[in-house]
Amino acid sequence: MYLNVGKCHEDLNDFDNARKNYELAHSYIHFLPDDGYGKMIKDGILNGFARVKSSNTNGD
């Protein structure tokens, strides 16, 4: 859920809230299964972090 909410904030150029939600998603990463689904979600979280890191984090 936090991954999807983070992506929504990112799409709205609200990078601070996107980063907060990606951080929340990352805090639960150890609960994800060690299978294809878990890998997809883990990759999504890490890719989200990379995108907001390279974006303007002030929302300008």
PDB file of N, CA and C in Angstrom:
ATOM      1  N   MET A   1       0.818  -1.177   0.000  1.00  0.00           N
ATOM      2  CA  MET A   1       0.000   0.000   0.000  1.00  0.00           C
ATOM      3  C   MET A   1       0.874   1.257   0.000  1.00  0.00           C
ATOM      4  N   TYR A   2       1.906   1.290   0.852  1.00  0.00           N
ATOM      5  CA  TYR A   2       2.747   2.487   0.920  1.00  0.00           C
ATOM      6  C   TYR A   2       3.475   2.741  -0.390  1.00  0.00           C
ATOM      7  N   LEU A   3       3.819   1.685  -1.089  1.00  0.00           N
ATOM      8  CA  LEU A   3       4.458   1.846  -2.395  1.00  0.00           C
ATOM      9  C   LEU A   3       3.513   2.571  -3.348  1.00  0.00           C
ATOM     10  N   ASN A   4       2.268   2.164  -3.392  1.00  0.00           N
ATOM     11  CA  ASN A   4       1.290   2.788  -4.286  1.00  0.00           C
ATOM     12  C   ASN A   4       0.985   4.228  -3.887  1.00  0.00           C
ATOM     13  N   VAL A   5       0.867   4.482  -2.601  1.00  0.00           N
ATOM     14  CA  VAL A   5       0.610   5.850  -2.136  1.00  0.00           C
ATOM     15  C   VAL A   5       1.819   6.734  -2.456  1.00  0.00           C
ATOM     16  N   GLY A   6       3.003   6.198  -2.266  1.00  0.00           N
ATOM     17  CA  GLY A   6       4.216   6.942  -2.615  1.00  0.00           C
ATOM     18  C   GLY A   6       4.245   7.301  -4.088  1.00  0.00           C
ATOM     19  N   LYS A   7       3.873   6.365  -4.937  1.00  0.00           N
ATOM     20  CA  LYS A   7       3.860   6.622  -6.382  1.00  0.00           C
ATOM     21  C   LYS A   7       2.826   7.683  -6.722  1.00  0.00           C
ATOM     22  N   CYS A   8       1.680   7.674  -6.061  1.00  0.00           N
ATOM     23  CA  CYS A   8       0.669   8.708  -6.300  1.00  0.00           C
ATOM     24  C   CYS A   8       1.204  10.087  -5.942  1.00  0.00           C
ATOM     25  N   HIS A   9       1.869  10.197  -4.800  1.00  0.00           N
ATOM     26  CA  HIS A   9       2.460  11.488  -4.414  1.00  0.00           C
ATOM     27  C   HIS A   9       3.541  11.893  -5.404  1.00  0.00           C
ATOM     28  N   GLU A  10       4.323  10.925  -5.837  1.00  0.00           N
ATOM     29  CA  GLU A  10       5.368  11.218  -6.819  1.00  0.00           C
ATOM     30  C   GLU A  10       4.748  11.753  -8.112  1.00  0.00           C
ATOM     31  N   ASP A  11       3.678  11.135  -8.575  1.00  0.00           N
ATOM     32  CA  ASP A  11       3.000  11.588  -9.794  1.00  0.00           C
ATOM     33  C   ASP A  11       2.453  12.999  -9.649  1.00  0.00           C
ATOM     34  N   LEU A  12       2.150  13.394  -8.405  1.00  0.00           N
ATOM     35  CA  LEU A  12       1.665  14.748  -8.125  1.00  0.00           C
ATOM     36  C   LEU A  12       2.806  15.726  -7.827  1.00  0.00           C
ATOM     37  N   ASN A  13       4.045  15.269  -8.018  1.00  0.00           N
ATOM     38  CA  ASN A  13       5.251  16.063  -7.735  1.00  0.00           C
ATOM     39  C   ASN A  13       5.359  16.454  -6.267  1.00  0.00           C
ATOM     40  N   ASP A  14       4.787  15.664  -5.404  1.00  0.00           N
ATOM     41  CA  ASP A  14       4.890  15.858  -3.951  1.00  0.00           C
ATOM     42  C   ASP A  14       5.965  14.885  -3.446  1.00  0.00           C
ATOM     43  N   PHE A  15       7.208  15.236  -3.702  1.00  0.00           N
ATOM     44  CA  PHE A  15       8.311  14.315  -3.478  1.00  0.00           C
ATOM     45  C   PHE A  15       8.609  14.064  -2.001  1.00  0.00           C
ATOM     46  N   ASP A  16       8.329  15.029  -1.146  1.00  0.00           N
ATOM     47  CA  ASP A  16       8.538  14.804   0.288  1.00  0.00           C
ATOM     48  C   ASP A  16       7.612  13.703   0.803  1.00  0.00           C
ATOM     49  N   ASN A  17       6.333  13.785   0.462  1.00  0.00           N
ATOM     50  CA  ASN A  17       5.401  12.745   0.893  1.00  0.00           C
ATOM     51  C   ASN A  17       5.648  11.428   0.172  1.00  0.00           C
ATOM     52  N   ALA A  18       6.088  11.498  -1.072  1.00  0.00           N
ATOM     53  CA  ALA A  18       6.446  10.266  -1.787  1.00  0.00           C
ATOM     54  C   ALA A  18       7.574   9.561  -1.049  1.00  0.00           C
ATOM     55  N   ARG A  19       8.604  10.306  -0.686  1.00  0.00           N
ATOM     56  CA  ARG A  19       9.751   9.716   0.023  1.00  0.00           C
ATOM     57  C   ARG A  19       9.320   9.136   1.365  1.00  0.00           C
ATOM     58  N   LYS A  20       8.455   9.826   2.083  1.00  0.00           N
ATOM     59  CA  LYS A  20       7.979   9.321   3.376  1.00  0.00           C
ATOM     60  C   LYS A  20       7.249   7.986   3.207  1.00  0.00           C
ATOM     61  N   ASN A  21       6.441   7.882   2.173  1.00  0.00           N
ATOM     62  CA  ASN A  21       5.711   6.635   1.950  1.00  0.00           C
ATOM     63  C   ASN A  21       6.629   5.528   1.470  1.00  0.00           C
ATOM     64  N   TYR A  22       7.622   5.851   0.665  1.00  0.00           N
ATOM     65  CA  TYR A  22       8.602   4.837   0.265  1.00  0.00           C
ATOM     66  C   TYR A  22       9.401   4.366   1.483  1.00  0.00           C
ATOM     67  N   GLU A  23       9.691   5.277   2.399  1.00  0.00           N
ATOM     68  CA  GLU A  23      10.382   4.886   3.636  1.00  0.00           C
ATOM     69  C   GLU A  23       9.506   3.951   4.471  1.00  0.00           C
ATOM     70  N   LEU A  24       8.223   4.268   4.565  1.00  0.00           N
ATOM     71  CA  LEU A  24       7.302   3.383   5.287  1.00  0.00           C
ATOM     72  C   LEU A  24       7.236   2.011   4.611  1.00  0.00           C
ATOM     73  N   ALA A  25       7.148   2.003   3.298  1.00  0.00           N
ATOM     74  CA  ALA A  25       7.127   0.730   2.566  1.00  0.00           C
ATOM     75  C   ALA A  25       8.392  -0.062   2.857  1.00  0.00           C
ATOM     76  N   HIS A  26       9.514   0.626   2.868  1.00  0.00           N
ATOM     77  CA  HIS A  26      10.799  -0.048   3.116  1.00  0.00           C
ATOM     78  C   HIS A  26      10.862  -0.631   4.525  1.00  0.00           C
ATOM     79  N   SER A  27      10.191   0.005   5.469  1.00  0.00           N
ATOM     80  CA  SER A  27      10.226  -0.490   6.852  1.00  0.00           C
ATOM     81  C   SER A  27       9.515  -1.838   6.995  1.00  0.00           C
ATOM     82  N   TYR A  28       8.689  -2.196   6.036  1.00  0.00           N
ATOM     83  CA  TYR A  28       7.975  -3.476   6.061  1.00  0.00           C
ATOM     84  C   TYR A  28       8.538  -4.488   5.064  1.00  0.00           C
ATOM     85  N   ILE A  29       9.655  -4.155   4.448  1.00  0.00           N
ATOM     86  CA  ILE A  29      10.193  -4.982   3.368  1.00  0.00           C
ATOM     87  C   ILE A  29      10.534  -6.399   3.831  1.00  0.00           C
ATOM     88  N   HIS A  30      10.890  -6.555   5.092  1.00  0.00           N
ATOM     89  CA  HIS A  30      11.262  -7.889   5.597  1.00  0.00           C
ATOM     90  C   HIS A  30      10.061  -8.828   5.704  1.00  0.00           C
ATOM     91  N   PHE A  31       8.837  -8.288   5.606  1.00  0.00           N
ATOM     92  CA  PHE A  31       7.641  -9.129   5.630  1.00  0.00           C
ATOM     93  C   PHE A  31       7.281  -9.685   4.254  1.00  0.00           C
ATOM     94  N   LEU A  32       7.898  -9.168   3.220  1.00  0.00           N
ATOM     95  CA  LEU A  32       7.562  -9.607   1.866  1.00  0.00           C
ATOM     96  C   LEU A  32       8.083 -11.013   1.607  1.00  0.00           C
ATOM     97  N   PRO A  33       7.339 -11.777   0.844  1.00  0.00           N
ATOM     98  CA  PRO A  33       7.791 -13.136   0.535  1.00  0.00           C
ATOM     99  C   PRO A  33       9.030 -13.109  -0.358  1.00  0.00           C
ATOM    100  N   ASP A  34       9.797 -14.170  -0.265  1.00  0.00           N
ATOM    101  CA  ASP A  34      11.009 -14.285  -1.069  1.00  0.00           C
ATOM    102  C   ASP A  34      10.665 -15.007  -2.372  1.00  0.00           C
ATOM    103  N   ASP A  35       9.834 -14.343  -3.179  1.00  0.00           N
ATOM    104  CA  ASP A  35       9.411 -14.911  -4.452  1.00  0.00           C
ATOM    105  C   ASP A  35       9.308 -13.787  -5.478  1.00  0.00           C
ATOM    106  N   GLY A  36       8.724 -14.066  -6.609  1.00  0.00           N
ATOM    107  CA  GLY A  36       8.622 -13.073  -7.670  1.00  0.00           C
ATOM    108  C   GLY A  36       7.841 -11.841  -7.266  1.00  0.00           C
ATOM    109  N   TYR A  37       6.747 -12.057  -6.532  1.00  0.00           N
ATOM    110  CA  TYR A  37       5.941 -10.928  -6.077  1.00  0.00           C
ATOM    111  C   TYR A  37       6.741 -10.043  -5.118  1.00  0.00           C
ATOM    112  N   GLY A  38       7.390 -10.664  -4.142  1.00  0.00           N
ATOM    113  CA  GLY A  38       8.190  -9.913  -3.185  1.00  0.00           C
ATOM    114  C   GLY A  38       9.294  -9.133  -3.870  1.00  0.00           C
ATOM    115  N   LYS A  39       9.942  -9.745  -4.852  1.00  0.00           N
ATOM    116  CA  LYS A  39      11.013  -9.069  -5.591  1.00  0.00           C
ATOM    117  C   LYS A  39      10.464  -7.877  -6.357  1.00  0.00           C
ATOM    118  N   MET A  40       9.288  -8.036  -6.966  1.00  0.00           N
ATOM    119  CA  MET A  40       8.679  -6.933  -7.713  1.00  0.00           C
ATOM    120  C   MET A  40       8.404  -5.740  -6.793  1.00  0.00           C
ATOM    121  N   ILE A  41       7.855  -6.002  -5.601  1.00  0.00           N
ATOM    122  CA  ILE A  41       7.546  -4.919  -4.666  1.00  0.00           C
ATOM    123  C   ILE A  41       8.834  -4.289  -4.132  1.00  0.00           C
ATOM    124  N   LYS A  42       9.817  -5.115  -3.778  1.00  0.00           N
ATOM    125  CA  LYS A  42      11.108  -4.593  -3.301  1.00  0.00           C
ATOM    126  C   LYS A  42      11.750  -3.705  -4.359  1.00  0.00           C
ATOM    127  N   ASP A  43      11.752  -4.170  -5.599  1.00  0.00           N
ATOM    128  CA  ASP A  43      12.320  -3.372  -6.686  1.00  0.00           C
ATOM    129  C   ASP A  43      11.555  -2.063  -6.860  1.00  0.00           C
ATOM    130  N   GLY A  44      10.233  -2.121  -6.720  1.00  0.00           N
ATOM    131  CA  GLY A  44       9.424  -0.910  -6.836  1.00  0.00           C
ATOM    132  C   GLY A  44       9.770   0.112  -5.775  1.00  0.00           C
ATOM    133  N   ILE A  45       9.990  -0.349  -4.573  1.00  0.00           N
ATOM    134  CA  ILE A  45      10.363   0.550  -3.471  1.00  0.00           C
ATOM    135  C   ILE A  45      11.719   1.190  -3.757  1.00  0.00           C
ATOM    136  N   LEU A  46      12.685   0.380  -4.133  1.00  0.00           N
ATOM    137  CA  LEU A  46      14.034   0.897  -4.405  1.00  0.00           C
ATOM    138  C   LEU A  46      14.042   1.840  -5.606  1.00  0.00           C
ATOM    139  N   ASN A  47      13.272   1.512  -6.630  1.00  0.00           N
ATOM    140  CA  ASN A  47      13.177   2.393  -7.795  1.00  0.00           C
ATOM    141  C   ASN A  47      12.497   3.705  -7.432  1.00  0.00           C
ATOM    142  N   GLY A  48      11.493   3.648  -6.563  1.00  0.00           N
ATOM    143  CA  GLY A  48      10.837   4.864  -6.104  1.00  0.00           C
ATOM    144  C   GLY A  48      11.804   5.770  -5.361  1.00  0.00           C
ATOM    145  N   PHE A  49      12.604   5.180  -4.482  1.00  0.00           N
ATOM    146  CA  PHE A  49      13.634   5.959  -3.783  1.00  0.00           C
ATOM    147  C   PHE A  49      14.570   6.632  -4.775  1.00  0.00           C
ATOM    148  N   ALA A  50      15.003   5.892  -5.774  1.00  0.00           N
ATOM    149  CA  ALA A  50      15.942   6.441  -6.762  1.00  0.00           C
ATOM    150  C   ALA A  50      15.314   7.599  -7.527  1.00  0.00           C
ATOM    151  N   ARG A  51      14.039   7.471  -7.880  1.00  0.00           N
ATOM    152  CA  ARG A  51      13.380   8.534  -8.624  1.00  0.00           C
ATOM    153  C   ARG A  51      13.219   9.802  -7.794  1.00  0.00           C
ATOM    154  N   VAL A  52      12.783   9.670  -6.539  1.00  0.00           N
ATOM    155  CA  VAL A  52      12.581  10.880  -5.734  1.00  0.00           C
ATOM    156  C   VAL A  52      13.911  11.488  -5.328  1.00  0.00           C
ATOM    157  N   LYS A  53      14.944  10.664  -5.224  1.00  0.00           N
ATOM    158  CA  LYS A  53      16.276  11.201  -4.919  1.00  0.00           C
ATOM    159  C   LYS A  53      16.770  12.076  -6.055  1.00  0.00           C
ATOM    160  N   SER A  54      16.479  11.668  -7.292  1.00  0.00           N
ATOM    161  CA  SER A  54      16.952  12.437  -8.434  1.00  0.00           C
ATOM    162  C   SER A  54      16.014  13.578  -8.805  1.00  0.00           C
ATOM    163  N   SER A  55      14.862  13.684  -8.121  1.00  0.00           N
ATOM    164  CA  SER A  55      13.892  14.744  -8.389  1.00  0.00           C
ATOM    165  C   SER A  55      14.096  15.890  -7.429  1.00  0.00           C
ATOM    166  N   ASN A  56      13.521  16.988  -7.766  1.00  0.00           N
ATOM    167  CA  ASN A  56      13.538  18.161  -6.889  1.00  0.00           C
ATOM    168  C   ASN A  56      12.689  17.845  -5.671  1.00  0.00           C
ATOM    169  N   THR A  57      13.274  17.801  -4.497  1.00  0.00           N
ATOM    170  CA  THR A  57      12.549  17.400  -3.286  1.00  0.00           C
ATOM    171  C   THR A  57      11.829  18.552  -2.613  1.00  0.00           C
ATOM    172  N   ASN A  58      11.893  19.748  -3.160  1.00  0.00           N
ATOM    173  CA  ASN A  58      11.179  20.873  -2.568  1.00  0.00           C
ATOM    174  C   ASN A  58       9.800  21.059  -3.157  1.00  0.00           C
ATOM    175  N   GLY A  59       9.410  20.216  -4.126  1.00  0.00           N
ATOM    176  CA  GLY A  59       8.104  20.332  -4.734  1.00  0.00           C
ATOM    177  C   GLY A  59       7.986  21.459  -5.726  1.00  0.00           C
ATOM    178  N   ASP A  60       9.101  22.126  -6.059  1.00  0.00           N
ATOM    179  CA  ASP A  60       9.090  23.243  -7.018  1.00  0.00           C
ATOM    180  C   ASP A  60       9.162  22.732  -8.441  1.00  0.00           C
TER     181      ASP A  60
END
